[in-house]
Amino acid sequence: MIHRHPVILFYRYVPIADPEAFRDAQRERCAALGLKGRLLIAAEGINGTLAGPAAAIETYMSELQADPRFAAMEFKISEGDEASFPKLVVKVRAEIVTLNAGLPLEPDRDNQLTPAEWKAWMEDDPEVVLVDVRNRYESDVGRFADALVCDIGHFRELPGYLETLLPLRERKVLMYCTGGIRCEKASALFRARGFTRVYQLHGGIAAYQKEFGNAHWLGDCFVFDQRMTVRVEEGHTPLGRCAHTGRVSSRFVNCLHDPCHVLFLLAAETEEENPDTRLCPACLAAGLTAQTAQTAQTAQTAQTAQTNA
């Protein structure tokens, strides 16, 4: 498939001796190529999602793989557009995906299954249990059939939530996430907590769908850019439901009340019928309306007025 304005998803756990210097070099190079998106850099590696013209993306990938540290880098590529990301953000973080496990964890790589192995185990082994280690709003819009989803709003909540999953310690666990980065840490966490048979989907949902489409998959796949969701159309089975009306929807919005700002599914028809539904169910139940909600714009106006007073 030819992508005119590709979006690339990639990561690599590898030691980076000077994350700040590497950040500066990456920011300069991405800006020169006209790329937008997000790069997170830490002493443990790099985690990125970038978009741009095809030629610029090809140049970036080639240059990154020319660095011996990233020679084995795998890129997941999908079609985007000029609006996929509003700007370029390159930051240094303590972790390239925040888990806050409270103990040192070396990413697991010895228990990865290829998409073909994953599919075969899912179909042929009645003992396996699928565990979705993504955030709840991601699994709300799409997940593998019969998967156990984690009721977490952020990946950093997984260590606390793991207590709920302890009864599965003797089961054969197949865990998955979008591109694989969270599973390498989550797998290590599970094994540190006594899970002895944990396996992860190499390349995540993105790699699986490239090979097998929607086989055993329901709904859309959440992505962390302006597209919000992507889908394989062939055999697509809608899963997402409007938080207010239950209508079929894969449209995400942030709660209009800026102090809340929670991400939820909202059907366009529902919003047209009642503008107050731009508030999440909790804020709406608390009595807020579109007129009384504190939006980002009203907060900025109030701050400006206070500054000028």
Protein backbone atom coordinates (compact mmCIF):
# COMPACT_ATOMS: atom_id res chain seq x y z
CA MET A 1 0.00 0.00 0.00
CA ILE A 2 1.28 3.48 -0.91
CA HIS A 3 0.87 6.02 1.88
CA ARG A 4 0.88 9.67 0.84
CA HIS A 5 1.01 11.10 4.35
CA PRO A 6 1.98 8.17 6.58
CA VAL A 7 1.79 7.92 10.34
CA ILE A 8 4.52 5.78 11.90
CA LEU A 9 4.36 4.12 15.31
CA PHE A 10 7.62 2.82 16.77
CA TYR A 11 9.57 2.16 19.95
CA ARG A 12 12.74 0.54 21.14
CA TYR A 13 13.97 -0.29 24.62
CA VAL A 14 17.70 0.41 24.35
CA PRO A 15 20.11 2.36 26.59
CA ILE A 16 20.49 6.03 25.66
CA ALA A 17 23.44 7.54 27.53
CA ASP A 18 22.47 11.21 27.12
CA PRO A 19 18.69 11.52 26.67
CA GLU A 20 18.76 15.33 26.64
CA ALA A 21 21.30 15.53 23.82
CA PHE A 22 19.42 12.86 21.88
CA ARG A 23 16.17 14.78 22.41
CA ASP A 24 17.70 17.96 21.01
CA ALA A 25 19.07 16.16 17.96
CA GLN A 26 15.75 14.43 17.29
CA ARG A 27 13.77 17.65 17.65
CA GLU A 28 16.07 19.44 15.22
CA ARG A 29 15.96 16.64 12.64
CA CYS A 30 12.18 16.14 12.82
CA ALA A 31 11.59 19.87 12.47
CA ALA A 32 13.92 20.03 9.46
CA LEU A 33 11.97 17.20 7.81
CA GLY A 34 8.63 18.84 8.55
CA LEU A 35 7.43 16.00 10.78
CA LYS A 36 4.81 16.36 13.49
CA GLY A 37 3.88 14.06 16.34
CA ARG A 38 5.30 12.98 19.67
CA LEU A 39 8.64 11.52 20.67
CA LEU A 40 9.32 10.38 24.23
CA ILE A 41 12.94 9.70 25.11
CA ALA A 42 14.42 8.20 28.27
CA ALA A 43 17.57 6.46 29.38
CA GLU A 44 15.70 3.22 28.59
CA GLY A 45 14.84 4.03 24.96
CA ILE A 46 12.53 5.85 22.54
CA ASN A 47 8.78 5.82 21.92
CA GLY A 48 7.39 7.73 18.96
CA THR A 49 4.45 8.47 16.72
CA LEU A 50 5.20 10.79 13.80
CA ALA A 51 3.44 11.91 10.65
CA GLY A 52 4.55 13.75 7.56
CA PRO A 53 5.05 13.58 3.79
CA ALA A 54 6.04 10.11 2.58
CA ALA A 55 9.53 11.13 1.45
CA ALA A 56 10.28 12.79 4.79
CA ILE A 57 9.05 9.76 6.74
CA GLU A 58 11.19 7.45 4.59
CA THR A 59 14.23 9.63 5.26
CA TYR A 60 13.57 9.67 8.99
CA MET A 61 13.16 5.88 9.21
CA SER A 62 16.32 5.24 7.20
CA GLU A 63 18.37 7.64 9.28
CA LEU A 64 17.12 6.22 12.57
CA GLN A 65 17.87 2.65 11.51
CA ALA A 66 21.35 3.73 10.43
CA ASP A 67 22.07 4.26 14.13
CA PRO A 68 23.28 0.85 15.44
CA ARG A 69 21.08 1.23 18.51
CA PHE A 70 18.00 1.28 16.31
CA ALA A 71 19.05 -0.98 13.44
CA ALA A 72 16.35 -3.50 14.39
CA MET A 73 13.65 -0.84 14.82
CA GLU A 74 10.22 -1.91 13.57
CA PHE A 75 7.80 0.68 12.23
CA LYS A 76 4.02 0.28 12.07
CA ILE A 77 2.78 2.41 9.17
CA SER A 78 -0.75 3.64 8.51
CA GLU A 79 -2.34 6.38 6.41
CA GLY A 80 -2.87 9.78 7.98
CA ASP A 81 -3.12 13.35 6.73
CA GLU A 82 -1.74 16.79 7.46
CA ALA A 83 -4.04 17.08 10.47
CA SER A 84 -2.90 13.84 12.15
CA PHE A 85 -0.84 15.88 14.63
CA PRO A 86 -1.09 19.61 15.34
CA LYS A 87 2.58 20.04 16.26
CA LEU A 88 5.87 18.34 17.10
CA VAL A 89 6.55 17.43 20.74
CA VAL A 90 9.86 15.86 21.81
CA LYS A 91 10.36 15.26 25.53
CA VAL A 92 12.63 13.46 27.96
CA ARG A 93 10.77 11.28 30.46
CA ALA A 94 11.74 8.87 33.23
CA GLU A 95 10.03 6.06 31.26
CA ILE A 96 9.07 5.90 27.59
CA VAL A 97 5.69 4.60 28.74
CA THR A 98 4.79 5.42 32.33
CA LEU A 99 4.07 2.37 34.49
CA ASN A 100 5.39 3.46 37.93
CA ALA A 101 5.71 -0.17 38.98
CA GLY A 102 7.65 0.65 42.13
CA LEU A 103 10.32 -1.90 41.28
CA PRO A 104 12.97 -2.14 38.55
CA LEU A 105 11.67 -4.02 35.51
CA GLU A 106 13.63 -5.15 32.48
CA PRO A 107 11.28 -5.35 29.48
CA ASP A 108 10.27 -8.90 28.52
CA ARG A 109 11.17 -10.03 25.01
CA ASP A 110 11.54 -13.81 25.39
CA ASN A 111 7.79 -14.53 25.45
CA GLN A 112 6.54 -12.78 22.31
CA LEU A 113 4.25 -14.56 19.88
CA THR A 114 4.05 -13.74 16.19
CA PRO A 115 0.57 -12.74 15.00
CA ALA A 116 0.23 -16.20 13.42
CA GLU A 117 1.18 -17.96 16.68
CA TRP A 118 -1.15 -15.68 18.64
CA LYS A 119 -4.07 -16.45 16.33
CA ALA A 120 -3.40 -20.19 16.48
CA TRP A 121 -3.26 -20.24 20.29
CA MET A 122 -6.40 -18.14 20.51
CA GLU A 123 -8.26 -20.54 18.23
CA ASP A 124 -6.87 -23.90 19.40
CA ASP A 125 -6.02 -23.63 23.10
CA PRO A 126 -9.09 -23.48 25.41
CA GLU A 127 -6.84 -22.75 28.39
CA VAL A 128 -5.73 -19.29 27.26
CA VAL A 129 -7.19 -16.05 28.58
CA LEU A 130 -6.72 -12.84 26.61
CA VAL A 131 -5.86 -9.75 28.65
CA ASP A 132 -6.10 -6.25 27.21
CA VAL A 133 -3.61 -4.06 29.13
CA ARG A 134 -4.69 -0.81 27.45
CA ASN A 135 -6.83 1.90 29.03
CA ARG A 136 -10.57 1.34 29.38
CA TYR A 137 -11.52 3.93 26.73
CA GLU A 138 -9.31 2.09 24.21
CA SER A 139 -10.96 -1.27 24.85
CA ASP A 140 -14.41 0.39 24.83
CA VAL A 141 -14.09 1.09 21.12
CA GLY A 142 -12.28 -2.10 20.07
CA ARG A 143 -10.81 -5.33 21.45
CA PHE A 144 -10.29 -9.01 20.76
CA ALA A 145 -13.41 -11.12 21.23
CA ASP A 146 -13.72 -12.53 24.77
CA ALA A 147 -10.73 -10.51 26.02
CA LEU A 148 -10.55 -9.52 29.67
CA VAL A 149 -10.16 -5.74 29.76
CA CYS A 150 -8.42 -3.83 32.54
CA ASP A 151 -10.55 -1.17 34.21
CA ILE A 152 -7.84 1.50 34.21
CA GLY A 153 -7.77 5.07 32.95
CA HIS A 154 -3.97 5.20 32.58
CA PHE A 155 -1.29 2.56 32.13
CA ARG A 156 0.30 3.68 35.42
CA GLU A 157 -2.79 2.30 37.20
CA LEU A 158 -2.01 -1.25 36.07
CA PRO A 159 0.23 -2.18 39.05
CA GLY A 160 -2.64 -1.37 41.44
CA TYR A 161 -5.24 -3.11 39.27
CA LEU A 162 -3.16 -6.28 39.04
CA GLU A 163 -4.55 -7.46 42.38
CA THR A 164 -7.85 -8.03 40.55
CA LEU A 165 -6.14 -10.37 38.09
CA LEU A 166 -4.27 -12.54 40.60
CA PRO A 167 -6.76 -15.43 40.24
CA LEU A 168 -5.39 -15.83 36.71
CA ARG A 169 -1.83 -16.58 37.86
CA GLU A 170 -2.09 -20.25 36.93
CA ARG A 171 -3.68 -19.58 33.54
CA LYS A 172 -1.95 -19.13 30.21
CA VAL A 173 -2.20 -15.36 29.68
CA LEU A 174 -2.06 -13.79 26.21
CA MET A 175 -1.69 -10.03 26.67
CA TYR A 176 -1.85 -7.36 24.01
CA CYS A 177 -1.70 -3.61 23.45
CA THR A 178 -1.62 -1.30 20.41
CA GLY A 179 1.97 -1.63 19.22
CA GLY A 180 3.72 -3.79 21.81
CA ILE A 181 5.49 -1.23 24.00
CA ARG A 182 3.19 -1.55 26.99
CA CYS A 183 3.23 -5.33 26.89
CA GLU A 184 7.01 -5.57 27.28
CA LYS A 185 6.72 -3.79 30.65
CA ALA A 186 3.34 -5.28 31.64
CA SER A 187 4.61 -8.81 30.99
CA ALA A 188 7.60 -8.21 33.26
CA LEU A 189 5.26 -6.83 35.92
CA PHE A 190 2.93 -9.84 35.70
CA ARG A 191 5.82 -12.29 35.98
CA ALA A 192 7.23 -10.36 38.96
CA ARG A 193 3.82 -10.80 40.64
CA GLY A 194 3.80 -14.56 40.23
CA PHE A 195 2.30 -15.15 36.78
CA THR A 196 4.31 -17.99 35.26
CA ARG A 197 2.77 -18.36 31.79
CA VAL A 198 2.53 -14.94 30.22
CA TYR A 199 2.85 -14.30 26.47
CA GLN A 200 2.59 -11.09 24.47
CA LEU A 201 1.55 -10.25 20.93
CA HIS A 202 4.66 -9.09 19.07
CA GLY A 203 3.90 -5.80 17.32
CA GLY A 204 0.54 -5.52 19.05
CA ILE A 205 -2.82 -4.98 17.41
CA ALA A 206 -1.20 -3.03 14.57
CA ALA A 207 0.92 -6.00 13.48
CA TYR A 208 -1.92 -8.50 13.94
CA GLN A 209 -4.40 -6.52 11.84
CA LYS A 210 -1.87 -6.01 9.08
CA GLU A 211 -1.71 -9.80 8.73
CA PHE A 212 -5.18 -10.99 9.73
CA GLY A 213 -7.47 -7.97 9.56
CA ASN A 214 -10.50 -8.27 11.81
CA ALA A 215 -10.25 -12.01 12.52
CA HIS A 216 -11.37 -12.33 16.17
CA TRP A 217 -11.31 -8.53 16.48
CA LEU A 218 -14.32 -6.37 17.31
CA GLY A 219 -14.62 -2.64 16.63
CA ASP A 220 -11.95 -0.04 15.93
CA CYS A 221 -8.42 0.50 17.20
CA PHE A 222 -7.73 3.60 19.30
CA VAL A 223 -4.67 5.62 18.29
CA PHE A 224 -3.02 8.55 20.06
CA ASP A 225 -3.32 11.18 17.33
CA GLN A 226 -6.01 13.38 15.84
CA ARG A 227 -7.60 10.41 14.03
CA MET A 228 -8.47 8.87 17.43
CA THR A 229 -9.49 5.56 15.84
CA VAL A 230 -8.51 3.48 12.80
CA ARG A 231 -10.23 0.43 11.40
CA VAL A 232 -9.94 -2.46 9.01
CA GLU A 233 -13.13 -2.16 6.99
CA GLU A 234 -13.39 -5.76 5.78
CA GLY A 235 -15.37 -7.77 8.30
CA HIS A 236 -15.70 -4.77 10.61
CA THR A 237 -18.01 -5.34 13.61
CA PRO A 238 -18.81 -2.06 15.42
CA LEU A 239 -18.26 -2.18 19.17
CA GLY A 240 -18.11 1.39 20.51
CA ARG A 241 -21.27 2.84 22.03
CA CYS A 242 -22.21 6.43 22.82
CA ALA A 243 -21.79 6.98 26.57
CA HIS A 244 -25.15 8.81 26.77
CA THR A 245 -27.46 6.98 24.38
CA GLY A 246 -25.83 3.66 23.54
CA ARG A 247 -25.80 4.47 19.84
CA VAL A 248 -23.07 2.85 17.78
CA SER A 249 -20.16 5.30 17.70
CA SER A 250 -16.39 5.44 17.40
CA ARG A 251 -16.28 9.22 17.91
CA PHE A 252 -14.24 10.32 20.91
CA VAL A 253 -14.54 13.72 22.58
CA ASN A 254 -13.14 15.26 25.74
CA CYS A 255 -15.61 16.33 28.40
CA LEU A 256 -16.53 19.99 27.86
CA HIS A 257 -15.86 20.72 31.55
CA ASP A 258 -12.13 21.41 31.40
CA PRO A 259 -11.27 20.35 34.99
CA CYS A 260 -12.71 16.92 34.09
CA HIS A 261 -11.65 16.63 30.42
CA VAL A 262 -12.26 12.86 30.45
CA LEU A 263 -12.29 11.13 27.06
CA PHE A 264 -15.53 9.39 26.13
CA LEU A 265 -17.56 8.17 23.16
CA LEU A 266 -20.26 10.53 21.89
CA ALA A 267 -22.42 9.96 18.81
CA ALA A 268 -22.71 13.04 16.59
CA GLU A 269 -26.52 12.62 16.53
CA THR A 270 -26.61 12.66 20.33
CA GLU A 271 -24.70 15.94 20.48
CA GLU A 272 -26.93 17.48 17.82
CA GLU A 273 -30.02 16.57 19.82
CA ASN A 274 -28.63 17.89 23.10
CA PRO A 275 -25.47 20.04 23.28
CA ASP A 276 -25.21 19.29 27.00
CA THR A 277 -24.06 15.78 26.11
CA ARG A 278 -20.63 17.26 25.33
CA LEU A 279 -20.30 16.77 29.08
CA CYS A 280 -19.39 13.27 30.24
CA PRO A 281 -22.15 11.32 32.03
CA ALA A 282 -20.66 12.07 35.47
CA CYS A 283 -20.52 15.83 34.90
CA LEU A 284 -23.99 15.84 33.37
CA ALA A 285 -25.34 13.90 36.35
CA ALA A 286 -23.68 16.44 38.66
CA GLY A 287 -25.91 19.15 37.17
CA LEU A 288 -23.47 20.87 34.84
CA THR A 289 -24.67 22.17 31.47
CA ALA A 290 -22.96 23.42 28.35
CA GLN A 291 -23.57 26.95 29.67
CA THR A 292 -22.26 26.35 33.21
CA ALA A 293 -19.28 24.13 32.37
CA GLN A 294 -15.82 25.58 32.76
CA THR A 295 -14.34 25.25 29.30
CA ALA A 296 -10.75 25.89 28.36
CA GLN A 297 -11.87 29.11 26.70
CA THR A 298 -13.77 30.42 29.74
CA ALA A 299 -10.85 29.51 32.02
CA GLN A 300 -8.47 31.46 29.76
CA THR A 301 -10.86 34.44 29.69
CA ALA A 302 -11.11 34.43 33.49
CA GLN A 303 -7.33 34.22 33.85
CA THR A 304 -6.84 37.11 31.42
CA ALA A 305 -9.38 39.24 33.29
CA GLN A 306 -7.68 38.52 36.60
CA THR A 307 -4.28 39.38 35.14
CA ASN A 308 -5.59 42.68 33.76
CA ALA A 309 -7.44 43.62 36.97
